[in-house]
């Protein structure tokens, strides 16, 4: 209706949101069990940083995604306030934002053309996405996951992922799983998944919840070997971008596992 250029912009935004459905679903579960809002003002996550208390033009989804919406026509750049107690990574380029440990908040001008929404993943977080293009959420149900691990200054990260049948109230009788991911690539050199469930018999599908890719952002050294259950995993590492990609680890978010790193 609005032309090909607008169609491409709308499609790109829709694809980004669909890919983040697992994160949205988990964040809604957190809201339903703790009362924490899904969209949060900056001060909720950084209550001691005085400089961000009055900020009302950027916000967080859950605790780990920072969004600065563009609301003025013709605007192609914006200023983002980054709390410096965390690293931040651009979700599109996966590059780490400039960091200054001597200040509480770093205000940076970022490019924001019409097809770019400034979104940043918090260092120390693990976010799950489903990146295969589908026409609806139900068609994504059995699709594999990609884990995006944004490391903090200690080369560690944590995250959760909630799963149920996405269709009924059966979670009330324990038919759900909660995956707790943890990465420590400095000390233990392990990436782990611990799973809890209300009904262990429900968590018996070996084919669902598979991880097809693990992307690690901010890894400061090159691994010589990555293994799971004694099997070597195929991986690539970009030292300039500090980006590691593990392909087909053959693990499921719904079952416990450990991946070990040799450096």
Protein backbone atom coordinates (compact mmCIF):
# COMPACT_ATOMS: atom_id res chain seq x y z
CA UNK A 1 0.00 0.00 0.00
CA UNK A 2 2.82 2.44 0.84
CA UNK A 3 5.36 1.27 -1.72
CA UNK A 4 8.30 -1.13 -1.84
CA UNK A 5 10.69 0.95 0.29
CA UNK A 6 8.20 1.22 3.17
CA UNK A 7 7.37 -2.46 2.81
CA UNK A 8 11.02 -3.39 3.29
CA UNK A 9 11.27 -1.24 6.44
CA UNK A 10 8.11 -2.76 7.91
CA UNK A 11 9.27 -6.27 7.06
CA UNK A 12 12.66 -5.74 8.72
CA UNK A 13 11.05 -4.45 11.93
CA UNK A 14 8.54 -7.31 11.98
CA UNK A 15 11.28 -9.90 11.48
CA UNK A 16 13.30 -8.44 14.34
CA UNK A 17 10.30 -8.65 16.66
CA UNK A 18 9.41 -12.20 15.59
CA UNK A 19 12.98 -13.35 16.21
CA UNK A 20 12.70 -12.01 19.76
CA UNK A 21 9.43 -13.83 20.54
CA UNK A 22 11.22 -16.24 22.97
CA UNK A 23 12.59 -13.25 24.89
CA UNK A 24 9.19 -11.51 24.90
CA UNK A 25 7.49 -14.72 26.07
CA UNK A 26 10.01 -15.16 28.89
CA UNK A 27 9.69 -11.50 29.91
CA UNK A 28 5.91 -11.84 30.10
CA UNK A 29 6.37 -14.92 32.31
CA UNK A 30 8.65 -12.88 34.59
CA UNK A 31 5.98 -10.17 34.74
CA UNK A 32 3.27 -12.70 35.62
CA UNK A 33 5.31 -14.25 38.45
CA UNK A 34 7.14 -11.24 39.92
CA UNK A 35 5.12 -8.19 38.90
CA UNK A 36 8.12 -6.59 37.18
CA UNK A 37 6.90 -4.64 34.14
CA UNK A 38 7.80 -5.73 30.63
CA UNK A 39 8.75 -2.21 29.52
CA UNK A 40 10.89 -0.57 32.19
CA UNK A 41 12.19 2.96 32.69
CA UNK A 42 15.95 3.15 32.96
CA UNK A 43 15.94 3.88 36.68
CA UNK A 44 14.30 0.53 37.48
CA UNK A 45 17.48 -1.31 36.47
CA UNK A 46 19.91 1.43 37.48
CA UNK A 47 18.35 3.03 40.58
CA UNK A 48 21.58 4.56 41.90
CA UNK A 49 22.53 6.38 38.69
CA UNK A 50 21.14 9.88 39.16
CA UNK A 51 21.81 10.99 35.58
CA UNK A 52 19.17 8.63 34.15
CA UNK A 53 16.32 9.18 36.60
CA UNK A 54 14.69 11.82 34.39
CA UNK A 55 15.22 10.00 31.07
CA UNK A 56 11.85 9.30 29.44
CA UNK A 57 12.75 8.81 25.76
CA UNK A 58 14.52 5.46 26.04
CA UNK A 59 13.59 2.34 27.96
CA UNK A 60 14.32 -1.34 28.60
CA UNK A 61 12.46 -4.47 27.55
CA UNK A 62 12.93 -6.76 30.51
CA UNK A 63 16.33 -6.18 32.05
CA UNK A 64 18.53 -6.78 29.02
CA UNK A 65 17.37 -4.87 25.91
CA UNK A 66 17.83 -1.10 25.72
CA UNK A 67 15.68 0.68 23.13
CA UNK A 68 15.86 4.28 21.90
CA UNK A 69 12.87 4.83 19.59
CA UNK A 70 12.97 7.39 16.80
CA UNK A 71 9.78 9.47 16.92
CA UNK A 72 10.49 12.53 14.76
CA UNK A 73 10.13 12.56 10.96
CA UNK A 74 13.38 12.91 9.05
CA UNK A 75 15.54 12.13 12.08
CA UNK A 76 18.59 10.02 11.15
CA UNK A 77 20.58 10.04 14.40
CA UNK A 78 19.93 10.15 18.12
CA UNK A 79 21.69 10.30 21.45
CA UNK A 80 21.63 7.24 23.71
CA UNK A 81 22.55 7.23 27.41
CA UNK A 82 24.48 4.06 28.24
CA UNK A 83 24.91 3.22 31.96
CA UNK A 84 28.55 2.27 32.36
CA UNK A 85 28.07 -0.40 35.00
CA UNK A 86 27.38 -2.66 31.98
CA UNK A 87 28.78 -3.25 28.54
CA UNK A 88 26.28 -2.75 25.68
CA UNK A 89 26.16 -4.44 22.26
CA UNK A 90 24.35 -3.32 19.12
CA UNK A 91 21.88 -6.13 18.30
CA UNK A 92 22.32 -5.63 14.56
CA UNK A 93 26.09 -5.30 14.18
CA UNK A 94 26.88 -7.22 17.42
CA UNK A 95 29.66 -4.73 18.11
CA UNK A 96 30.39 -3.55 21.63
CA UNK A 97 29.55 0.08 22.31
CA UNK A 98 32.35 2.35 23.53
CA UNK A 99 32.87 2.02 27.27
CA UNK A 100 34.24 4.48 29.84
CA UNK A 101 34.68 3.08 33.37
CA UNK A 102 35.40 6.54 34.78
CA UNK A 103 31.82 7.80 34.34
CA UNK A 104 28.38 6.54 35.37
CA UNK A 105 26.69 7.30 32.05
CA UNK A 106 28.14 7.68 28.57
CA UNK A 107 26.01 9.70 26.13
CA UNK A 108 26.74 8.72 22.55
CA UNK A 109 25.34 9.87 19.23
CA UNK A 110 24.27 6.87 17.13
CA UNK A 111 23.15 6.60 13.53
CA UNK A 112 19.44 5.86 13.11
CA UNK A 113 18.36 5.86 9.46
CA UNK A 114 14.79 4.92 8.63
CA UNK A 115 15.50 1.17 8.64
CA UNK A 116 17.45 1.19 11.91
CA UNK A 117 15.93 0.95 15.42
CA UNK A 118 18.65 1.57 18.04
CA UNK A 119 18.51 -1.55 20.24
CA UNK A 120 21.31 -2.78 22.51
CA UNK A 121 21.83 -5.99 24.47
CA UNK A 122 23.19 -5.61 27.96
CA UNK A 123 26.56 -7.18 28.71
CA UNK A 124 26.24 -10.11 31.10
CA UNK A 125 22.99 -11.34 29.51
CA UNK A 126 21.95 -14.34 27.43
CA UNK A 127 18.99 -13.84 25.10
CA UNK A 128 17.31 -16.54 23.02
CA UNK A 129 16.01 -15.83 19.53
CA UNK A 130 14.36 -17.81 16.74
CA UNK A 131 15.74 -16.41 13.52
CA UNK A 132 13.93 -18.46 10.87
CA UNK A 133 11.40 -16.42 8.92
CA UNK A 134 7.80 -17.57 9.50
CA UNK A 135 4.37 -16.11 8.82
CA UNK A 136 3.08 -16.52 12.38
CA UNK A 137 4.19 -17.41 15.91
CA UNK A 138 2.46 -20.86 15.94
CA UNK A 139 4.58 -21.87 12.93
CA UNK A 140 7.70 -21.10 14.98
CA UNK A 141 6.81 -23.52 17.79
CA UNK A 142 9.31 -26.28 16.92
CA UNK A 143 11.93 -24.01 15.34
CA UNK A 144 15.46 -24.14 16.81
CA UNK A 145 16.97 -21.40 18.94
CA UNK A 146 19.97 -19.15 18.57
CA UNK A 147 21.55 -18.08 21.86
CA UNK A 148 23.07 -14.59 21.92
CA UNK A 149 25.56 -14.36 24.78
CA UNK A 150 26.74 -10.82 25.54
CA UNK A 151 29.71 -11.03 27.88
CA UNK A 152 30.39 -8.56 30.67
CA UNK A 153 33.75 -7.26 31.91
CA UNK A 154 34.37 -10.60 33.69
CA UNK A 155 33.69 -12.57 30.50
CA UNK A 156 30.53 -14.02 31.98
CA UNK A 157 26.78 -13.89 31.33
CA UNK A 158 23.48 -15.32 32.55
CA UNK A 159 19.96 -15.62 31.19
CA UNK A 160 16.70 -17.54 31.39
CA UNK A 161 14.21 -18.96 28.90
CA UNK A 162 10.66 -20.01 29.75
CA UNK A 163 8.84 -22.66 27.70
CA UNK A 164 5.36 -24.15 27.78
CA UNK A 165 2.91 -25.35 25.11
CA UNK A 166 2.10 -21.69 24.17
CA UNK A 167 -1.55 -22.62 23.84
CA UNK A 168 -3.21 -23.61 27.11
CA UNK A 169 -3.17 -23.26 30.89
CA UNK A 170 -1.28 -26.54 31.34
CA UNK A 171 1.62 -24.63 32.89
CA UNK A 172 -0.61 -24.47 35.99
CA UNK A 173 -0.12 -28.23 36.43
CA UNK A 174 3.63 -27.99 35.91
CA UNK A 175 3.90 -28.44 32.16
CA UNK A 176 6.67 -25.94 31.56
CA UNK A 177 10.44 -25.68 31.64
CA UNK A 178 12.67 -22.87 32.84
CA UNK A 179 16.17 -22.90 31.36
CA UNK A 180 18.88 -21.07 33.29
CA UNK A 181 21.93 -20.38 31.14
CA UNK A 182 25.28 -19.35 32.61
CA UNK A 183 28.58 -18.64 30.90
CA UNK A 184 31.94 -18.17 32.62
CA UNK A 185 34.67 -18.02 30.00
CA UNK A 186 37.38 -16.65 32.31
CA UNK A 187 37.44 -19.04 35.27
CA UNK A 188 35.50 -22.28 34.76
CA UNK A 189 35.47 -21.85 30.95
CA UNK A 190 32.01 -23.41 30.80
CA UNK A 191 28.66 -22.59 29.24
CA UNK A 192 25.89 -24.39 31.14
CA UNK A 193 22.16 -24.92 30.96
CA UNK A 194 20.28 -25.97 34.11
CA UNK A 195 16.61 -26.82 33.63
CA UNK A 196 13.80 -26.84 36.17
CA UNK A 197 10.25 -28.04 35.49
CA UNK A 198 7.04 -28.53 37.41
CA UNK A 199 6.38 -31.89 35.77
CA UNK A 200 9.44 -33.88 34.59
CA UNK A 201 7.26 -36.22 32.51
CA UNK A 202 6.24 -33.30 30.29
CA UNK A 203 9.87 -32.53 29.43
CA UNK A 204 10.51 -35.69 27.40
CA UNK A 205 10.55 -34.46 23.80
CA UNK A 206 14.13 -34.91 22.61
CA UNK A 207 13.55 -33.01 19.36
CA UNK A 208 12.03 -29.78 20.67
CA UNK A 209 14.01 -26.76 21.79
CA UNK A 210 17.15 -27.54 19.83
CA UNK A 211 19.90 -24.91 19.62
CA UNK A 212 21.18 -24.42 16.08
CA UNK A 213 23.68 -21.67 16.83
CA UNK A 214 25.41 -19.95 19.73
CA UNK A 215 26.71 -16.42 19.19
CA UNK A 216 29.08 -15.02 21.82
CA UNK A 217 29.68 -11.26 21.81
CA UNK A 218 32.71 -9.64 23.41
CA UNK A 219 34.90 -12.74 23.72
CA UNK A 220 38.40 -11.35 24.19
CA UNK A 221 40.48 -14.40 23.22
CA UNK A 222 40.42 -17.19 20.68
CA UNK A 223 39.31 -20.67 21.84
CA UNK A 224 41.43 -23.56 20.59
CA UNK A 225 38.71 -26.14 21.20
CA UNK A 226 35.04 -26.21 22.18
CA UNK A 227 33.45 -29.50 23.24
CA UNK A 228 30.15 -30.92 24.46
CA UNK A 229 30.05 -34.46 25.86
CA UNK A 230 33.50 -35.07 24.41
CA UNK A 231 32.53 -34.00 20.88
CA UNK A 232 34.34 -31.11 19.20
CA UNK A 233 32.09 -28.31 17.99
CA UNK A 234 32.54 -26.35 14.78
CA UNK A 235 33.16 -22.68 15.49
CA UNK A 236 34.48 -19.48 13.94
CA UNK A 237 36.02 -16.50 15.70
CA UNK A 238 36.51 -12.92 14.55
CA UNK A 239 39.21 -11.32 16.73
CA UNK A 240 38.52 -7.79 15.49
CA UNK A 241 34.83 -7.95 16.33
CA UNK A 242 35.45 -10.30 19.31
CA UNK A 243 32.66 -12.50 17.96
CA UNK A 244 32.43 -16.29 18.30
CA UNK A 245 29.86 -18.41 16.47
CA UNK A 246 29.28 -22.07 17.39
CA UNK A 247 27.39 -24.03 14.77
CA UNK A 248 25.01 -26.93 15.48
CA UNK A 249 25.96 -27.69 19.10
CA UNK A 250 23.23 -30.39 19.13
CA UNK A 251 21.86 -29.44 22.54
CA UNK A 252 18.32 -28.56 23.64
CA UNK A 253 17.23 -25.66 25.82
CA UNK A 254 14.88 -28.12 27.55
CA UNK A 255 17.65 -30.39 28.83
CA UNK A 256 20.76 -29.87 30.92
CA UNK A 257 24.19 -29.68 29.31
CA UNK A 258 27.68 -28.21 29.59
CA UNK A 259 29.90 -26.86 26.84
CA UNK A 260 33.59 -26.50 27.72
CA UNK A 261 36.11 -24.09 26.20
CA UNK A 262 39.88 -24.50 25.85
CA UNK A 263 41.99 -21.39 25.34
